[in-house]
Amino acid sequence: MPAGGLSEKILYTKIKRRDQEAFLKAYDLYADDIYRFLYFKVGNEEEARDLVSATFLKVWNYIQDNNLKDYKTLKALLYKVARNLAIDHFRTKKEQVSLETENGPREIPDPAEDLLRRAEIAADFALVLKKMNELKDEYREAIILRYINELSIGEVAEVMDKSRGNVRVLLYRALKALREMMEEK
């Protein structure tokens, strides 16, 4: 990720000017985060990879066609496009994806993660995933954007088409609901 907001603004400005190298750099910076977000949405590695490609292609086409809305950040634009593609994906697929499989919670691949660390958090993670599936879609999406993909409140608001205040309330309610479900365990 860019170290600060200024470097992202410069990158975004270059991309708006159709700089292919800047766009490739943006891909390198954000593709993994967009993949993780989409994987949580669709629950399938191949479909998530396809949607990541579609996300970046759609953004590049917006740039080429001068149809780029005035988003505040590049990250918010990418997540917004990814979110809309995931929604379209579900509309065509007409099925709800669960983070659960027949054999328990889905594994979310992260090649950089240490095996010992994964073993330590596996039990809690499985419970959180199970309880996340029980949350309303809007709650689950807000938690994923804010706490898993680490978007700012403003970026989550822009992605979800809500005000910052609405996002704060939504996150409060989502975390409260998740906490209550975890305590019921």
Protein backbone atom coordinates (compact mmCIF):
# COMPACT_ATOMS: atom_id res chain seq x y z
CA MET A 1 0.00 0.00 0.00
CA PRO A 2 1.19 3.52 -0.50
CA ALA A 3 2.84 4.84 2.62
CA GLY A 4 0.76 7.97 2.78
CA GLY A 5 -2.21 9.67 1.25
CA LEU A 6 0.02 11.95 -0.81
CA SER A 7 1.68 9.11 -2.73
CA GLU A 8 -1.72 7.56 -3.47
CA LYS A 9 -2.99 10.94 -4.70
CA ILE A 10 -0.01 11.23 -7.03
CA LEU A 11 -0.57 7.69 -8.28
CA TYR A 12 -4.28 8.38 -8.77
CA THR A 13 -3.52 11.60 -10.65
CA LYS A 14 -1.13 9.75 -12.96
CA ILE A 15 -3.74 7.06 -13.58
CA LYS A 16 -6.34 9.69 -14.45
CA ARG A 17 -3.87 10.86 -17.10
CA ARG A 18 -3.84 7.31 -18.53
CA ASP A 19 -0.35 6.43 -17.26
CA GLN A 20 -0.06 2.68 -17.82
CA GLU A 21 2.92 2.27 -15.48
CA ALA A 22 1.04 3.98 -12.67
CA PHE A 23 -1.92 1.70 -13.28
CA LEU A 24 0.33 -1.38 -13.14
CA LYS A 25 1.78 -0.08 -9.89
CA ALA A 26 -1.76 0.34 -8.54
CA TYR A 27 -2.47 -3.24 -9.54
CA ASP A 28 0.59 -4.43 -7.64
CA LEU A 29 -0.40 -2.37 -4.60
CA TYR A 30 -4.09 -3.27 -4.40
CA ALA A 31 -4.70 -6.59 -6.19
CA ASP A 32 -4.16 -8.72 -3.08
CA ASP A 33 -6.51 -6.58 -0.97
CA ILE A 34 -9.19 -6.58 -3.65
CA TYR A 35 -8.77 -10.35 -4.00
CA ARG A 36 -9.22 -10.85 -0.24
CA PHE A 37 -12.34 -8.67 -0.27
CA LEU A 38 -13.81 -10.53 -3.24
CA TYR A 39 -12.88 -13.92 -1.83
CA PHE A 40 -14.88 -13.13 1.30
CA LYS A 41 -17.75 -12.05 -0.92
CA VAL A 42 -17.84 -14.97 -3.37
CA GLY A 43 -16.11 -17.75 -1.42
CA ASN A 44 -14.30 -19.20 -4.44
CA GLU A 45 -10.64 -18.63 -5.38
CA GLU A 46 -11.10 -18.78 -9.15
CA GLU A 47 -14.16 -16.55 -9.18
CA ALA A 48 -12.41 -14.07 -6.88
CA ARG A 49 -9.38 -13.97 -9.20
CA ASP A 50 -11.64 -13.46 -12.22
CA LEU A 51 -13.45 -10.64 -10.45
CA VAL A 52 -10.14 -8.99 -9.50
CA SER A 53 -9.15 -8.99 -13.17
CA ALA A 54 -12.56 -7.66 -14.13
CA THR A 55 -12.28 -4.93 -11.50
CA PHE A 56 -9.00 -3.59 -12.81
CA LEU A 57 -10.12 -3.95 -16.42
CA LYS A 58 -13.31 -2.02 -15.70
CA VAL A 59 -11.41 0.76 -13.93
CA TRP A 60 -8.95 0.99 -16.82
CA ASN A 61 -11.85 1.18 -19.29
CA TYR A 62 -13.43 3.97 -17.22
CA ILE A 63 -10.14 5.84 -17.46
CA GLN A 64 -9.82 5.28 -21.21
CA ASP A 65 -13.41 6.37 -21.85
CA ASN A 66 -13.14 9.41 -19.54
CA ASN A 67 -16.07 8.02 -17.52
CA LEU A 68 -14.15 8.17 -14.27
CA LYS A 69 -16.25 9.67 -11.51
CA ASP A 70 -14.47 11.95 -9.13
CA TYR A 71 -13.65 9.47 -6.38
CA LYS A 72 -11.59 10.77 -3.50
CA THR A 73 -9.20 7.83 -3.48
CA LEU A 74 -8.11 5.17 -5.90
CA LYS A 75 -8.66 2.52 -3.25
CA ALA A 76 -12.29 3.54 -2.78
CA LEU A 77 -12.83 3.42 -6.55
CA LEU A 78 -11.35 -0.08 -6.80
CA TYR A 79 -13.42 -1.40 -3.90
CA LYS A 80 -16.57 0.21 -5.28
CA VAL A 81 -16.08 -1.43 -8.67
CA ALA A 82 -15.20 -4.77 -7.02
CA ARG A 83 -18.28 -4.58 -4.81
CA ASN A 84 -20.54 -3.85 -7.79
CA LEU A 85 -19.01 -6.70 -9.79
CA ALA A 86 -19.59 -9.07 -6.85
CA ILE A 87 -23.22 -7.94 -6.68
CA ASP A 88 -23.60 -8.53 -10.43
CA HIS A 89 -21.93 -11.91 -9.99
CA PHE A 90 -24.53 -12.93 -7.41
CA ARG A 91 -27.37 -11.66 -9.54
CA THR A 92 -26.28 -13.92 -12.36
CA LYS A 93 -25.43 -16.82 -10.10
CA LYS A 94 -28.50 -16.47 -7.87
CA GLU A 95 -27.00 -18.23 -4.87
CA GLN A 96 -25.69 -17.19 -1.49
CA VAL A 97 -22.13 -18.19 -0.79
CA SER A 98 -21.20 -19.34 2.66
CA LEU A 99 -17.81 -19.03 4.28
CA GLU A 100 -18.44 -22.58 5.49
CA THR A 101 -17.78 -25.80 3.60
CA GLU A 102 -18.90 -29.33 4.36
CA ASN A 103 -15.66 -29.86 6.29
CA GLY A 104 -15.77 -26.63 8.31
CA PRO A 105 -14.69 -23.08 7.55
CA ARG A 106 -13.11 -22.24 4.22
CA GLU A 107 -9.39 -21.79 4.16
CA ILE A 108 -8.43 -18.31 3.06
CA PRO A 109 -5.06 -18.61 1.37
CA ASP A 110 -2.32 -16.27 2.53
CA PRO A 111 1.06 -17.60 1.44
CA ALA A 112 2.94 -15.06 3.54
CA GLU A 113 1.39 -16.20 6.81
CA ASP A 114 3.48 -18.34 9.13
CA LEU A 115 2.12 -21.86 9.72
CA LEU A 116 2.53 -21.63 13.48
CA ARG A 117 0.61 -18.38 13.56
CA ARG A 118 -2.16 -19.95 11.49
CA ALA A 119 -2.41 -22.84 13.91
CA GLU A 120 -2.74 -20.45 16.87
CA ILE A 121 -5.64 -18.50 15.41
CA ALA A 122 -7.46 -21.33 13.61
CA ALA A 123 -9.99 -22.08 16.37
CA ASP A 124 -11.01 -18.45 16.92
CA PHE A 125 -11.03 -17.78 13.20
CA ALA A 126 -13.34 -20.74 12.56
CA LEU A 127 -15.80 -19.45 15.14
CA VAL A 128 -15.66 -15.89 13.79
CA LEU A 129 -16.24 -17.14 10.23
CA LYS A 130 -19.18 -19.21 11.35
CA LYS A 131 -20.70 -16.27 13.19
CA MET A 132 -19.93 -13.86 10.32
CA ASN A 133 -22.17 -16.00 8.10
CA GLU A 134 -25.01 -15.40 10.52
CA LEU A 135 -24.67 -11.60 10.28
CA LYS A 136 -26.70 -9.50 7.87
CA ASP A 137 -24.88 -9.03 4.54
CA GLU A 138 -24.47 -5.32 5.18
CA TYR A 139 -22.86 -5.96 8.59
CA ARG A 140 -20.54 -8.61 7.18
CA GLU A 141 -19.47 -6.37 4.30
CA ALA A 142 -18.76 -3.41 6.60
CA ILE A 143 -16.62 -5.57 8.91
CA ILE A 144 -14.67 -7.03 6.00
CA LEU A 145 -13.98 -3.62 4.46
CA ARG A 146 -13.01 -1.92 7.71
CA TYR A 147 -11.22 -4.59 9.73
CA ILE A 148 -9.99 -7.17 7.25
CA ASN A 149 -9.13 -4.89 4.33
CA GLU A 150 -8.35 -1.95 6.63
CA LEU A 151 -10.18 0.76 4.73
CA SER A 152 -10.79 4.06 6.48
CA ILE A 153 -14.29 5.03 7.58
CA GLY A 154 -14.44 7.47 4.67
CA GLU A 155 -13.43 4.82 2.17
CA VAL A 156 -15.97 2.34 3.55
CA ALA A 157 -18.61 5.07 3.31
CA GLU A 158 -17.71 5.75 -0.30
CA VAL A 159 -17.71 2.05 -1.22
CA MET A 160 -21.05 1.38 0.47
CA ASP A 161 -22.70 4.66 -0.63
CA LYS A 162 -23.33 5.75 2.96
CA SER A 163 -22.34 8.71 5.06
CA ARG A 164 -19.44 8.40 7.51
CA GLY A 165 -21.87 8.59 10.40
CA ASN A 166 -23.99 5.79 8.94
CA VAL A 167 -20.87 3.64 8.54
CA ARG A 168 -19.83 4.25 12.15
CA VAL A 169 -23.29 3.24 13.36
CA LEU A 170 -23.34 0.25 11.03
CA LEU A 171 -19.94 -0.92 12.27
CA TYR A 172 -20.97 -0.44 15.90
CA ARG A 173 -24.11 -2.51 15.36
CA ALA A 174 -22.25 -5.15 13.34
CA LEU A 175 -19.56 -5.58 16.00
CA LYS A 176 -22.15 -5.62 18.76
CA ALA A 177 -24.13 -8.32 16.94
CA LEU A 178 -20.97 -10.34 16.29
CA ARG A 179 -19.87 -9.98 19.92
CA GLU A 180 -23.27 -11.14 21.15
CA MET A 181 -23.14 -14.16 18.83
CA MET A 182 -19.64 -15.01 20.04
CA GLU A 183 -20.78 -14.83 23.67
CA GLU A 184 -23.67 -17.21 22.92
CA LYS A 185 -21.06 -19.81 21.99
